[in-house]
Amino acid sequence: MAKKTTIKKAVVRVPPSFETTSLEMTKKKTRIPWKWALLVLAALLGILFVANKGWVVAALVDGQPIFSWQLNSTLQTRYGQQTLEGMIGEVLIQKEAQKSGIAVSADDLKAKQKEILSSLGTEVSLEDFLKFQGLTEEDFNQQLKMQLTVERLLTKNMVVNDEDIDNFIATNSATLIATEPAALREEAKKAIINNEVSEKLQPWFLELRQKSNVMKFL
């Protein structure tokens, strides 16, 4: 009777040292060397610097830089207090307007823009005016908003009647431009209001500033 032949399957075992070496090689392939990371970071910073070099350097004079921090320091020294006081004044005026329920709408600003441009001549556009003044439309509108707010605060209880207008026209006819009766009376009314604002502005604001609690750190 023939004997059965049993064939054993050969099991190939990987030496532990080979497995460890293979794993380390895989990790090394996927690991980004820190030097490359630094190079990538430096390249990104270089791109940001080129795109926004005004953050660091304000100007170059024959290759010599004037740094932005130098410009900011000079501006703060020369104009910082004046600018800060102006910003404080705007905040105080806005708060006073809120207390009095006074607001300036977009339509109010457009009407005031039109009034100013009309006084300069029919050929003057808003773009030309802003370019000449060195202003953006946002800055111009902010100035107009402050002007209208102060005007309404100081004249909220003021009444200009026909007698006031007649008296003003009679005594100031040489300063008025309009020729048509309706336009002349409107111009006179605005002049009366402007005179009232000019007279009250300084003492009113000084009182407002003295009553406020302002802490400055510059």
N, C-alpha and C. Protein backbone atom coordinates (compact mmCIF):
# COMPACT_ATOMS: atom_id res chain seq x y z
N MET A 1 0.86 -1.20 0.00
CA MET A 1 0.00 0.00 0.00
C MET A 1 0.88 1.24 0.00
N ALA A 2 0.64 2.15 -0.91
CA ALA A 2 1.53 3.34 -1.09
C ALA A 2 1.30 4.34 0.04
N LYS A 3 2.38 4.83 0.52
CA LYS A 3 2.30 5.83 1.58
C LYS A 3 1.93 7.18 1.01
N LYS A 4 1.08 7.90 1.77
CA LYS A 4 0.70 9.27 1.36
C LYS A 4 1.84 10.22 1.66
N THR A 5 2.08 11.08 0.67
CA THR A 5 3.16 12.07 0.84
C THR A 5 2.56 13.40 1.27
N THR A 6 2.99 13.87 2.41
CA THR A 6 2.46 15.14 2.93
C THR A 6 3.44 16.25 2.60
N ILE A 7 2.92 17.29 1.91
CA ILE A 7 3.77 18.43 1.52
C ILE A 7 3.49 19.59 2.45
N LYS A 8 4.46 19.96 3.19
CA LYS A 8 4.31 21.08 4.13
C LYS A 8 4.57 22.40 3.41
N LYS A 9 3.68 23.34 3.70
CA LYS A 9 3.87 24.67 3.13
C LYS A 9 4.97 25.42 3.86
N ALA A 10 5.80 26.01 3.09
CA ALA A 10 6.92 26.74 3.69
C ALA A 10 6.46 28.11 4.16
N VAL A 11 6.76 28.45 5.38
CA VAL A 11 6.40 29.74 5.95
C VAL A 11 7.65 30.60 5.99
N VAL A 12 7.57 31.70 5.29
CA VAL A 12 8.71 32.60 5.23
C VAL A 12 8.55 33.66 6.31
N ARG A 13 9.42 33.69 7.22
CA ARG A 13 9.36 34.68 8.30
C ARG A 13 10.33 35.82 8.01
N VAL A 14 9.78 37.03 8.16
CA VAL A 14 10.61 38.21 7.95
C VAL A 14 11.37 38.49 9.22
N PRO A 15 12.63 38.63 9.13
CA PRO A 15 13.41 38.92 10.34
C PRO A 15 12.94 40.22 10.97
N PRO A 16 12.86 40.24 12.30
CA PRO A 16 12.42 41.45 13.00
C PRO A 16 13.21 42.67 12.61
N SER A 17 14.46 42.52 12.39
CA SER A 17 15.31 43.66 12.03
C SER A 17 14.89 44.25 10.70
N PHE A 18 14.45 43.38 9.76
CA PHE A 18 14.02 43.85 8.44
C PHE A 18 12.70 44.62 8.55
N GLU A 19 11.78 44.09 9.39
CA GLU A 19 10.49 44.76 9.58
C GLU A 19 10.69 46.16 10.16
N THR A 20 11.54 46.28 11.15
CA THR A 20 11.81 47.57 11.79
C THR A 20 12.43 48.54 10.81
N THR A 21 13.37 48.03 10.03
CA THR A 21 14.04 48.90 9.06
C THR A 21 13.06 49.38 8.01
N SER A 22 12.16 48.52 7.54
CA SER A 22 11.18 48.89 6.53
C SER A 22 10.22 49.94 7.06
N LEU A 23 9.79 49.78 8.33
CA LEU A 23 8.86 50.73 8.94
C LEU A 23 9.51 52.10 9.09
N GLU A 24 10.76 52.12 9.51
CA GLU A 24 11.48 53.38 9.67
C GLU A 24 11.66 54.08 8.33
N MET A 25 11.91 53.29 7.27
CA MET A 25 12.06 53.89 5.94
C MET A 25 10.76 54.52 5.48
N THR A 26 9.62 53.87 5.80
CA THR A 26 8.31 54.43 5.42
C THR A 26 8.06 55.74 6.15
N LYS A 27 8.39 55.77 7.45
CA LYS A 27 8.21 56.99 8.22
C LYS A 27 9.09 58.10 7.69
N LYS A 28 10.32 57.74 7.32
CA LYS A 28 11.23 58.76 6.81
C LYS A 28 10.74 59.34 5.50
N LYS A 29 10.07 58.50 4.70
CA LYS A 29 9.56 58.99 3.42
C LYS A 29 8.42 59.98 3.62
N THR A 30 7.57 59.75 4.65
CA THR A 30 6.40 60.60 4.86
C THR A 30 6.70 61.80 5.74
N ARG A 31 7.81 61.78 6.47
CA ARG A 31 8.14 62.89 7.37
C ARG A 31 8.78 64.04 6.58
N ILE A 32 8.28 65.28 6.82
CA ILE A 32 8.83 66.46 6.15
C ILE A 32 9.96 67.01 7.01
N PRO A 33 11.15 67.08 6.48
CA PRO A 33 12.28 67.61 7.26
C PRO A 33 11.99 69.03 7.72
N TRP A 34 12.41 69.38 8.93
CA TRP A 34 12.13 70.70 9.49
C TRP A 34 12.78 71.80 8.68
N LYS A 35 13.89 71.51 8.02
CA LYS A 35 14.56 72.53 7.20
C LYS A 35 13.69 72.93 6.02
N TRP A 36 13.02 71.92 5.41
CA TRP A 36 12.12 72.25 4.30
C TRP A 36 10.93 73.07 4.78
N ALA A 37 10.44 72.74 5.98
CA ALA A 37 9.32 73.50 6.54
C ALA A 37 9.71 74.96 6.75
N LEU A 38 10.93 75.18 7.22
CA LEU A 38 11.40 76.54 7.42
C LEU A 38 11.54 77.28 6.09
N LEU A 39 12.01 76.56 5.07
CA LEU A 39 12.15 77.19 3.75
C LEU A 39 10.78 77.60 3.18
N VAL A 40 9.80 76.71 3.36
CA VAL A 40 8.44 77.02 2.87
C VAL A 40 7.88 78.23 3.62
N LEU A 41 8.08 78.25 4.96
CA LEU A 41 7.60 79.37 5.76
C LEU A 41 8.27 80.67 5.35
N ALA A 42 9.58 80.61 5.12
CA ALA A 42 10.32 81.80 4.70
C ALA A 42 9.81 82.31 3.35
N ALA A 43 9.51 81.36 2.43
CA ALA A 43 9.00 81.75 1.12
C ALA A 43 7.65 82.43 1.24
N LEU A 44 6.77 81.89 2.12
CA LEU A 44 5.45 82.50 2.32
C LEU A 44 5.57 83.89 2.92
N LEU A 45 6.48 84.04 3.89
CA LEU A 45 6.70 85.36 4.48
C LEU A 45 7.24 86.34 3.45
N GLY A 46 8.11 85.85 2.56
CA GLY A 46 8.64 86.71 1.50
C GLY A 46 7.56 87.19 0.56
N ILE A 47 6.62 86.29 0.22
CA ILE A 47 5.51 86.66 -0.65
C ILE A 47 4.63 87.70 0.02
N LEU A 48 4.34 87.49 1.31
CA LEU A 48 3.53 88.45 2.06
C LEU A 48 4.21 89.81 2.14
N PHE A 49 5.54 89.79 2.31
CA PHE A 49 6.28 91.04 2.41
C PHE A 49 6.22 91.82 1.10
N VAL A 50 6.38 91.10 -0.02
CA VAL A 50 6.34 91.76 -1.33
C VAL A 50 4.95 92.32 -1.60
N ALA A 51 3.93 91.54 -1.26
CA ALA A 51 2.55 91.97 -1.52
C ALA A 51 2.11 93.10 -0.60
N ASN A 52 2.69 93.14 0.62
CA ASN A 52 2.27 94.14 1.61
C ASN A 52 3.48 94.82 2.23
N LYS A 53 4.40 95.26 1.37
CA LYS A 53 5.63 95.84 1.91
C LYS A 53 5.39 97.15 2.64
N GLY A 54 4.24 97.78 2.41
CA GLY A 54 3.91 98.99 3.14
C GLY A 54 3.73 98.76 4.62
N TRP A 55 3.51 97.51 5.02
CA TRP A 55 3.40 97.20 6.44
C TRP A 55 4.73 97.42 7.16
N VAL A 56 5.82 97.23 6.44
CA VAL A 56 7.15 97.30 7.05
C VAL A 56 7.89 98.56 6.60
N VAL A 57 7.92 98.78 5.29
CA VAL A 57 8.68 99.90 4.73
C VAL A 57 7.71 100.88 4.08
N ALA A 58 7.73 102.14 4.53
CA ALA A 58 6.84 103.16 3.97
C ALA A 58 7.41 103.74 2.68
N ALA A 59 8.73 103.85 2.58
CA ALA A 59 9.37 104.43 1.40
C ALA A 59 10.84 104.03 1.35
N LEU A 60 11.41 104.14 0.14
CA LEU A 60 12.84 103.94 -0.05
C LEU A 60 13.41 105.20 -0.66
N VAL A 61 14.45 105.75 -0.04
CA VAL A 61 15.10 106.96 -0.53
C VAL A 61 16.53 106.59 -0.92
N ASP A 62 16.76 106.46 -2.23
CA ASP A 62 18.08 106.01 -2.71
C ASP A 62 18.51 104.73 -2.02
N GLY A 63 17.55 103.82 -1.85
CA GLY A 63 17.85 102.54 -1.23
C GLY A 63 17.76 102.52 0.28
N GLN A 64 17.67 103.68 0.91
CA GLN A 64 17.56 103.74 2.37
C GLN A 64 16.09 103.71 2.77
N PRO A 65 15.69 102.76 3.62
CA PRO A 65 14.27 102.62 3.96
C PRO A 65 13.80 103.62 5.02
N ILE A 66 12.57 104.06 4.85
CA ILE A 66 11.85 104.75 5.92
C ILE A 66 10.78 103.76 6.37
N PHE A 67 10.94 103.24 7.57
CA PHE A 67 10.06 102.18 8.04
C PHE A 67 8.70 102.73 8.46
N SER A 68 7.71 101.86 8.36
CA SER A 68 6.35 102.27 8.70
C SER A 68 6.24 102.69 10.16
N TRP A 69 6.99 102.03 11.05
CA TRP A 69 6.92 102.40 12.46
C TRP A 69 7.48 103.80 12.68
N GLN A 70 8.47 104.20 11.86
CA GLN A 70 9.00 105.56 11.97
C GLN A 70 7.94 106.58 11.54
N LEU A 71 7.25 106.27 10.44
CA LEU A 71 6.18 107.15 9.96
C LEU A 71 5.08 107.28 11.00
N ASN A 72 4.64 106.15 11.55
CA ASN A 72 3.57 106.17 12.55
C ASN A 72 3.98 106.95 13.80
N SER A 73 5.23 106.77 14.21
CA SER A 73 5.73 107.49 15.38
C SER A 73 5.74 109.00 15.15
N THR A 74 6.19 109.41 13.94
CA THR A 74 6.23 110.84 13.61
C THR A 74 4.82 111.43 13.53
N LEU A 75 3.92 110.69 12.90
CA LEU A 75 2.53 111.17 12.78
C LEU A 75 1.90 111.32 14.16
N GLN A 76 2.16 110.36 15.02
CA GLN A 76 1.58 110.43 16.37
C GLN A 76 2.15 111.60 17.15
N THR A 77 3.46 111.84 17.00
CA THR A 77 4.09 112.94 17.72
C THR A 77 3.57 114.29 17.25
N ARG A 78 3.44 114.45 15.92
CA ARG A 78 3.07 115.76 15.36
C ARG A 78 1.57 116.01 15.36
N TYR A 79 0.82 114.96 15.03
CA TYR A 79 -0.63 115.18 14.85
C TYR A 79 -1.48 114.27 15.73
N GLY A 80 -0.85 113.43 16.56
CA GLY A 80 -1.60 112.44 17.33
C GLY A 80 -2.63 113.04 18.26
N GLN A 81 -2.23 114.03 19.05
CA GLN A 81 -3.15 114.63 20.02
C GLN A 81 -4.30 115.35 19.32
N GLN A 82 -3.97 116.06 18.25
CA GLN A 82 -5.01 116.79 17.51
C GLN A 82 -6.02 115.82 16.90
N THR A 83 -5.51 114.74 16.30
CA THR A 83 -6.39 113.74 15.69
C THR A 83 -7.22 113.03 16.75
N LEU A 84 -6.58 112.70 17.87
CA LEU A 84 -7.30 112.02 18.95
C LEU A 84 -8.41 112.90 19.51
N GLU A 85 -8.13 114.19 19.69
CA GLU A 85 -9.16 115.10 20.19
C GLU A 85 -10.34 115.19 19.22
N GLY A 86 -10.01 115.19 17.92
CA GLY A 86 -11.09 115.21 16.92
C GLY A 86 -11.95 113.97 17.00
N MET A 87 -11.33 112.80 17.19
CA MET A 87 -12.08 111.55 17.31
C MET A 87 -12.90 111.52 18.58
N ILE A 88 -12.34 112.04 19.68
CA ILE A 88 -13.10 112.13 20.94
C ILE A 88 -14.32 113.04 20.75
N GLY A 89 -14.11 114.16 20.06
CA GLY A 89 -15.22 115.08 19.79
C GLY A 89 -16.33 114.42 19.00
N GLU A 90 -15.97 113.62 18.01
CA GLU A 90 -16.98 112.94 17.19
C GLU A 90 -17.80 111.97 18.05
N VAL A 91 -17.12 111.24 18.93
CA VAL A 91 -17.83 110.30 19.79
C VAL A 91 -18.80 111.04 20.71
N LEU A 92 -18.35 112.16 21.29
CA LEU A 92 -19.21 112.94 22.18
C LEU A 92 -20.43 113.49 21.44
N ILE A 93 -20.21 113.97 20.22
CA ILE A 93 -21.32 114.50 19.42
C ILE A 93 -22.31 113.40 19.08
N GLN A 94 -21.81 112.23 18.71
CA GLN A 94 -22.69 111.10 18.38
C GLN A 94 -23.53 110.69 19.59
N LYS A 95 -22.90 110.67 20.77
CA LYS A 95 -23.64 110.30 21.98
C LYS A 95 -24.71 111.34 22.30
N GLU A 96 -24.37 112.61 22.12
CA GLU A 96 -25.34 113.67 22.38
C GLU A 96 -26.51 113.59 21.40
N ALA A 97 -26.20 113.24 20.14
CA ALA A 97 -27.26 113.09 19.14
C ALA A 97 -28.18 111.93 19.48
N GLN A 98 -27.62 110.84 19.98
CA GLN A 98 -28.44 109.69 20.37
C GLN A 98 -29.38 110.05 21.52
N LYS A 99 -28.87 110.82 22.48
CA LYS A 99 -29.71 111.26 23.60
C LYS A 99 -30.88 112.11 23.11
N SER A 100 -30.61 112.93 22.09
CA SER A 100 -31.64 113.85 21.58
C SER A 100 -32.49 113.22 20.47
N GLY A 101 -32.19 112.00 20.11
CA GLY A 101 -32.95 111.33 19.05
C GLY A 101 -32.72 111.93 17.67
N ILE A 102 -31.53 112.45 17.44
CA ILE A 102 -31.20 113.09 16.16
C ILE A 102 -30.40 112.11 15.31
N ALA A 103 -30.81 111.92 14.07
CA ALA A 103 -30.11 111.02 13.15
C ALA A 103 -30.01 111.67 11.78
N VAL A 104 -28.96 111.31 11.07
CA VAL A 104 -28.74 111.83 9.70
C VAL A 104 -28.84 110.65 8.74
N SER A 105 -29.74 110.74 7.79
CA SER A 105 -29.98 109.65 6.85
C SER A 105 -29.11 109.79 5.61
N ALA A 106 -29.12 108.74 4.79
CA ALA A 106 -28.38 108.76 3.53
C ALA A 106 -28.93 109.84 2.60
N ASP A 107 -30.25 110.03 2.63
CA ASP A 107 -30.86 111.07 1.81
C ASP A 107 -30.41 112.47 2.26
N ASP A 108 -30.25 112.64 3.57
CA ASP A 108 -29.75 113.92 4.09
C ASP A 108 -28.35 114.21 3.56
N LEU A 109 -27.52 113.18 3.53
CA LEU A 109 -26.15 113.35 3.05
C LEU A 109 -26.12 113.69 1.56
N LYS A 110 -26.96 113.01 0.78
CA LYS A 110 -27.03 113.28 -0.67
C LYS A 110 -27.49 114.70 -0.93
N ALA A 111 -28.48 115.16 -0.16
CA ALA A 111 -28.99 116.53 -0.33
C ALA A 111 -27.90 117.55 0.01
N LYS A 112 -27.14 117.27 1.06
CA LYS A 112 -26.06 118.18 1.46
C LYS A 112 -24.94 118.19 0.43
N GLN A 113 -24.62 117.03 -0.11
CA GLN A 113 -23.63 116.95 -1.19
C GLN A 113 -24.06 117.82 -2.37
N LYS A 114 -25.31 117.68 -2.76
CA LYS A 114 -25.84 118.43 -3.89
C LYS A 114 -25.79 119.93 -3.63
N GLU A 115 -26.11 120.31 -2.40
CA GLU A 115 -26.09 121.73 -2.04
C GLU A 115 -24.68 122.30 -2.15
N ILE A 116 -23.70 121.56 -1.67
CA ILE A 116 -22.31 122.04 -1.72
C ILE A 116 -21.80 122.11 -3.15
N LEU A 117 -22.09 121.09 -3.94
CA LEU A 117 -21.63 121.08 -5.33
C LEU A 117 -22.30 122.19 -6.14
N SER A 118 -23.58 122.46 -5.86
CA SER A 118 -24.29 123.53 -6.58
C SER A 118 -23.69 124.89 -6.29
N SER A 119 -23.21 125.06 -5.07
CA SER A 119 -22.60 126.34 -4.71
C SER A 119 -21.26 126.56 -5.41
N LEU A 120 -20.65 125.47 -5.89
CA LEU A 120 -19.36 125.57 -6.56
C LEU A 120 -19.48 125.74 -8.06
N GLY A 121 -20.66 125.49 -8.61
CA GLY A 121 -20.86 125.61 -10.05
C GLY A 121 -21.44 124.34 -10.64
N THR A 122 -22.10 124.48 -11.74
CA THR A 122 -22.80 123.34 -12.34
C THR A 122 -21.86 122.32 -12.96
N GLU A 123 -20.63 122.70 -13.27
CA GLU A 123 -19.71 121.79 -13.95
C GLU A 123 -18.85 120.98 -12.99
N VAL A 124 -18.97 121.20 -11.70
CA VAL A 124 -18.16 120.48 -10.71
C VAL A 124 -18.87 119.18 -10.33
N SER A 125 -18.18 118.05 -10.55
CA SER A 125 -18.74 116.76 -10.18
C SER A 125 -18.23 116.36 -8.81
N LEU A 126 -18.88 115.38 -8.21
CA LEU A 126 -18.47 114.89 -6.90
C LEU A 126 -17.05 114.31 -6.97
N GLU A 127 -16.76 113.58 -8.05
CA GLU A 127 -15.43 112.98 -8.21
C GLU A 127 -14.35 114.05 -8.27
N ASP A 128 -14.60 115.12 -9.03
CA ASP A 128 -13.62 116.22 -9.14
C ASP A 128 -13.42 116.90 -7.78
N PHE A 129 -14.53 117.11 -7.09
CA PHE A 129 -14.45 117.77 -5.78
C PHE A 129 -13.63 116.93 -4.80
N LEU A 130 -13.90 115.62 -4.74
CA LEU A 130 -13.19 114.74 -3.82
C LEU A 130 -11.70 114.67 -4.16
N LYS A 131 -11.40 114.63 -5.45
CA LYS A 131 -10.00 114.59 -5.89
C LYS A 131 -9.28 115.87 -5.48
N PHE A 132 -9.94 117.01 -5.66
CA PHE A 132 -9.34 118.30 -5.31
C PHE A 132 -9.10 118.41 -3.80
N GLN A 133 -10.04 117.89 -3.02
CA GLN A 133 -9.94 117.96 -1.56
C GLN A 133 -9.07 116.86 -0.97
N GLY A 134 -8.74 115.85 -1.79
CA GLY A 134 -7.95 114.73 -1.29
C GLY A 134 -8.73 113.86 -0.32
N LEU A 135 -10.03 113.66 -0.62
CA LEU A 135 -10.91 112.90 0.26
C LEU A 135 -11.51 111.71 -0.46
N THR A 136 -11.87 110.70 0.30
CA THR A 136 -12.71 109.64 -0.22
C THR A 136 -14.17 110.04 0.03
N GLU A 137 -15.08 109.42 -0.67
CA GLU A 137 -16.50 109.75 -0.45
C GLU A 137 -16.93 109.39 0.97
N GLU A 138 -16.34 108.32 1.52
CA GLU A 138 -16.66 107.93 2.90
C GLU A 138 -16.23 109.01 3.88
N ASP A 139 -15.01 109.54 3.69
CA ASP A 139 -14.54 110.62 4.58
C ASP A 139 -15.41 111.87 4.44
N PHE A 140 -15.75 112.20 3.20
CA PHE A 140 -16.58 113.38 2.94
C PHE A 140 -17.94 113.24 3.62
N ASN A 141 -18.54 112.07 3.48
CA ASN A 141 -19.85 111.84 4.09
C ASN A 141 -19.77 111.89 5.62
N GLN A 142 -18.65 111.42 6.18
CA GLN A 142 -18.49 111.49 7.63
C GLN A 142 -18.43 112.94 8.09
N GLN A 143 -17.73 113.79 7.33
CA GLN A 143 -17.67 115.21 7.67
C GLN A 143 -19.06 115.85 7.58
N LEU A 144 -19.77 115.52 6.52
CA LEU A 144 -21.13 116.07 6.35
C LEU A 144 -22.05 115.61 7.47
N LYS A 145 -21.90 114.35 7.87
CA LYS A 145 -22.74 113.80 8.94
C LYS A 145 -22.50 114.56 10.24
N MET A 146 -21.23 114.82 10.56
CA MET A 146 -20.91 115.58 11.77
C MET A 146 -21.47 117.00 11.68
N GLN A 147 -21.33 117.62 10.51
CA GLN A 147 -21.81 118.98 10.32
C GLN A 147 -23.33 119.06 10.50
N LEU A 148 -24.04 118.15 9.87
CA LEU A 148 -25.50 118.15 9.98
C LEU A 148 -25.96 117.81 11.40
N THR A 149 -25.25 116.90 12.05
CA THR A 149 -25.61 116.51 13.42
C THR A 149 -25.46 117.69 14.37
N VAL A 150 -24.32 118.38 14.28
CA VAL A 150 -24.09 119.55 15.14
C VAL A 150 -25.13 120.63 14.85
N GLU A 151 -25.40 120.85 13.57
CA GLU A 151 -26.39 121.88 13.19
C GLU A 151 -27.75 121.58 13.80
N ARG A 152 -28.17 120.32 13.76
CA ARG A 152 -29.48 119.96 14.29
C ARG A 152 -29.51 120.00 15.82
N LEU A 153 -28.39 119.67 16.44
CA LEU A 153 -28.32 119.74 17.89
C LEU A 153 -28.44 121.18 18.39
N LEU A 154 -27.77 122.09 17.70
CA LEU A 154 -27.74 123.48 18.14
C LEU A 154 -28.97 124.29 17.73
N THR A 155 -29.73 123.76 16.80
CA THR A 155 -30.90 124.51 16.32
C THR A 155 -32.21 123.73 16.52
N LYS A 156 -32.17 122.72 17.38
CA LYS A 156 -33.37 121.88 17.53
C LYS A 156 -34.56 122.66 18.10
N ASN A 157 -34.28 123.70 18.87
CA ASN A 157 -35.37 124.51 19.46
C ASN A 157 -35.51 125.87 18.77
N MET A 158 -34.80 126.03 17.67
CA MET A 158 -34.79 127.33 16.99
C MET A 158 -35.95 127.44 16.00
N VAL A 159 -36.59 128.58 15.99
CA VAL A 159 -37.67 128.85 15.03
C VAL A 159 -37.30 130.09 14.23
N VAL A 160 -37.27 129.93 12.91
CA VAL A 160 -36.99 131.07 12.02
C VAL A 160 -38.30 131.46 11.34
N ASN A 161 -38.84 132.60 11.71
CA ASN A 161 -40.12 133.03 11.13
C ASN A 161 -39.92 133.99 9.97
N ASP A 162 -41.00 134.39 9.34
CA ASP A 162 -40.94 135.26 8.18
C ASP A 162 -40.33 136.63 8.52
N GLU A 163 -40.62 137.10 9.72
CA GLU A 163 -40.07 138.40 10.12
C GLU A 163 -38.54 138.34 10.21
N ASP A 164 -38.01 137.24 10.74
CA ASP A 164 -36.55 137.07 10.84
C ASP A 164 -35.92 137.09 9.45
N ILE A 165 -36.59 136.40 8.52
CA ILE A 165 -36.07 136.34 7.15
C ILE A 165 -36.11 137.71 6.48
N ASP A 166 -37.22 138.41 6.66
CA ASP A 166 -37.36 139.75 6.06
C ASP A 166 -36.27 140.69 6.59
N ASN A 167 -36.04 140.65 7.89
CA ASN A 167 -35.03 141.52 8.50
C ASN A 167 -33.63 141.17 7.99
N PHE A 168 -33.36 139.89 7.84
CA PHE A 168 -32.04 139.47 7.37
C PHE A 168 -31.82 139.93 5.93
N ILE A 169 -32.82 139.75 5.08
CA ILE A 169 -32.70 140.18 3.68
C ILE A 169 -32.47 141.69 3.60
N ALA A 170 -33.19 142.42 4.44
CA ALA A 170 -33.09 143.89 4.42
C ALA A 170 -31.70 144.37 4.83
N THR A 171 -31.07 143.66 5.75
CA THR A 171 -29.77 144.12 6.27
C THR A 171 -28.57 143.42 5.63
N ASN A 172 -28.81 142.34 4.88
CA ASN A 172 -27.69 141.57 4.30
C ASN A 172 -27.88 141.29 2.81
N SER A 173 -28.62 142.12 2.13
CA SER A 173 -28.93 141.88 0.72
C SER A 173 -27.67 141.79 -0.14
N ALA A 174 -26.61 142.52 0.24
CA ALA A 174 -25.38 142.52 -0.57
C ALA A 174 -24.66 141.19 -0.52
N THR A 175 -24.90 140.37 0.51
CA THR A 175 -24.20 139.09 0.65
C THR A 175 -24.98 137.93 0.06
N LEU A 176 -26.22 138.16 -0.32
CA LEU A 176 -27.06 137.08 -0.85
C LEU A 176 -26.91 136.97 -2.37
N ILE A 177 -26.98 135.74 -2.88
CA ILE A 177 -26.73 135.48 -4.30
C ILE A 177 -28.03 135.29 -5.08
N ALA A 178 -28.99 134.61 -4.48
CA ALA A 178 -30.24 134.27 -5.19
C ALA A 178 -30.99 135.53 -5.62
N THR A 179 -31.71 135.39 -6.72
CA THR A 179 -32.48 136.52 -7.26
C THR A 179 -33.99 136.27 -7.19
N GLU A 180 -34.39 135.03 -7.34
CA GLU A 180 -35.81 134.72 -7.26
C GLU A 180 -36.27 134.79 -5.80
N PRO A 181 -37.47 135.30 -5.56
CA PRO A 181 -37.96 135.52 -4.18
C PRO A 181 -37.89 134.26 -3.30
N ALA A 182 -38.37 133.13 -3.81
CA ALA A 182 -38.38 131.91 -3.00
C ALA A 182 -36.97 131.44 -2.66
N ALA A 183 -36.10 131.47 -3.67
CA ALA A 183 -34.71 131.06 -3.46
C ALA A 183 -33.99 132.02 -2.53
N LEU A 184 -34.32 133.29 -2.64
CA LEU A 184 -33.69 134.32 -1.78
C LEU A 184 -34.07 134.10 -0.32
N ARG A 185 -35.33 133.80 -0.07
CA ARG A 185 -35.78 133.58 1.30
C ARG A 185 -35.16 132.30 1.89
N GLU A 186 -35.03 131.28 1.06
CA GLU A 186 -34.40 130.03 1.52
C GLU A 186 -32.94 130.25 1.85
N GLU A 187 -32.25 131.02 1.01
CA GLU A 187 -30.85 131.34 1.26
C GLU A 187 -30.71 132.14 2.55
N ALA A 188 -31.60 133.07 2.76
CA ALA A 188 -31.55 133.89 3.98
C ALA A 188 -31.80 133.02 5.22
N LYS A 189 -32.73 132.09 5.12
CA LYS A 189 -33.03 131.20 6.25
C LYS A 189 -31.81 130.36 6.62
N LYS A 190 -31.16 129.82 5.60
CA LYS A 190 -29.96 129.01 5.85
C LYS A 190 -28.84 129.85 6.47
N ALA A 191 -28.74 131.09 6.02
CA ALA A 191 -27.71 131.98 6.57
C ALA A 191 -27.98 132.27 8.05
N ILE A 192 -29.24 132.46 8.40
CA ILE A 192 -29.61 132.70 9.79
C ILE A 192 -29.24 131.49 10.66
N ILE A 193 -29.55 130.31 10.15
CA ILE A 193 -29.23 129.08 10.89
C ILE A 193 -27.72 128.92 11.05
N ASN A 194 -26.99 129.18 9.98
CA ASN A 194 -25.52 129.07 10.04
C ASN A 194 -24.92 130.04 11.05
N ASN A 195 -25.46 131.24 11.10
CA ASN A 195 -24.98 132.23 12.07
C ASN A 195 -25.24 131.77 13.51
N GLU A 196 -26.39 131.15 13.70
CA GLU A 196 -26.74 130.64 15.03
C GLU A 196 -25.78 129.53 15.45
N VAL A 197 -25.49 128.63 14.52
CA VAL A 197 -24.58 127.52 14.80
C VAL A 197 -23.18 128.04 15.11
N SER A 198 -22.70 128.98 14.32
CA SER A 198 -21.35 129.54 14.52
C SER A 198 -21.23 130.22 15.89
N GLU A 199 -22.30 130.87 16.30
CA GLU A 199 -22.27 131.59 17.58
C GLU A 199 -22.28 130.63 18.77
N LYS A 200 -23.02 129.54 18.65
CA LYS A 200 -23.19 128.63 19.78
C LYS A 200 -22.15 127.51 19.84
N LEU A 201 -21.50 127.21 18.72
CA LEU A 201 -20.68 126.01 18.61
C LEU A 201 -19.60 125.90 19.67
N GLN A 202 -18.73 126.90 19.77
CA GLN A 202 -17.58 126.80 20.68
C GLN A 202 -17.98 126.66 22.14
N PRO A 203 -18.82 127.53 22.68
CA PRO A 203 -19.21 127.35 24.10
C PRO A 203 -19.95 126.05 24.35
N TRP A 204 -20.78 125.63 23.40
CA TRP A 204 -21.52 124.38 23.56
C TRP A 204 -20.58 123.18 23.62
N PHE A 205 -19.59 123.14 22.72
CA PHE A 205 -18.70 121.99 22.70
C PHE A 205 -17.77 121.98 23.91
N LEU A 206 -17.31 123.16 24.34
CA LEU A 206 -16.46 123.23 25.52
C LEU A 206 -17.21 122.69 26.75
N GLU A 207 -18.46 123.05 26.87
CA GLU A 207 -19.27 122.54 27.98
C GLU A 207 -19.46 121.03 27.86
N LEU A 208 -19.70 120.56 26.66
CA LEU A 208 -19.88 119.12 26.42
C LEU A 208 -18.61 118.36 26.79
N ARG A 209 -17.46 118.91 26.42
CA ARG A 209 -16.16 118.26 26.69
C ARG A 209 -15.87 118.24 28.18
N GLN A 210 -16.20 119.32 28.88
CA GLN A 210 -15.93 119.41 30.31
C GLN A 210 -16.81 118.45 31.12
N LYS A 211 -18.02 118.21 30.64
CA LYS A 211 -18.93 117.32 31.36
C LYS A 211 -18.61 115.84 31.12
N SER A 212 -17.84 115.55 30.09
CA SER A 212 -17.56 114.16 29.74
C SER A 212 -16.41 113.59 30.58
N ASN A 213 -16.39 112.29 30.67
CA ASN A 213 -15.33 111.57 31.39
C ASN A 213 -14.42 110.90 30.37
N VAL A 214 -13.34 111.57 30.02
CA VAL A 214 -12.44 111.08 28.97
C VAL A 214 -11.09 110.76 29.59
N MET A 215 -10.60 109.54 29.32
CA MET A 215 -9.27 109.13 29.76
C MET A 215 -8.40 108.87 28.53
N LYS A 216 -7.31 109.59 28.44
CA LYS A 216 -6.40 109.44 27.31
C LYS A 216 -5.13 108.72 27.77
N PHE A 217 -4.61 107.86 26.90
CA PHE A 217 -3.43 107.09 27.22
C PHE A 217 -2.27 107.37 26.28
N LEU A 218 -2.38 108.42 25.48
CA LEU A 218 -1.30 108.79 24.56
C LEU A 218 -0.75 110.16 24.95
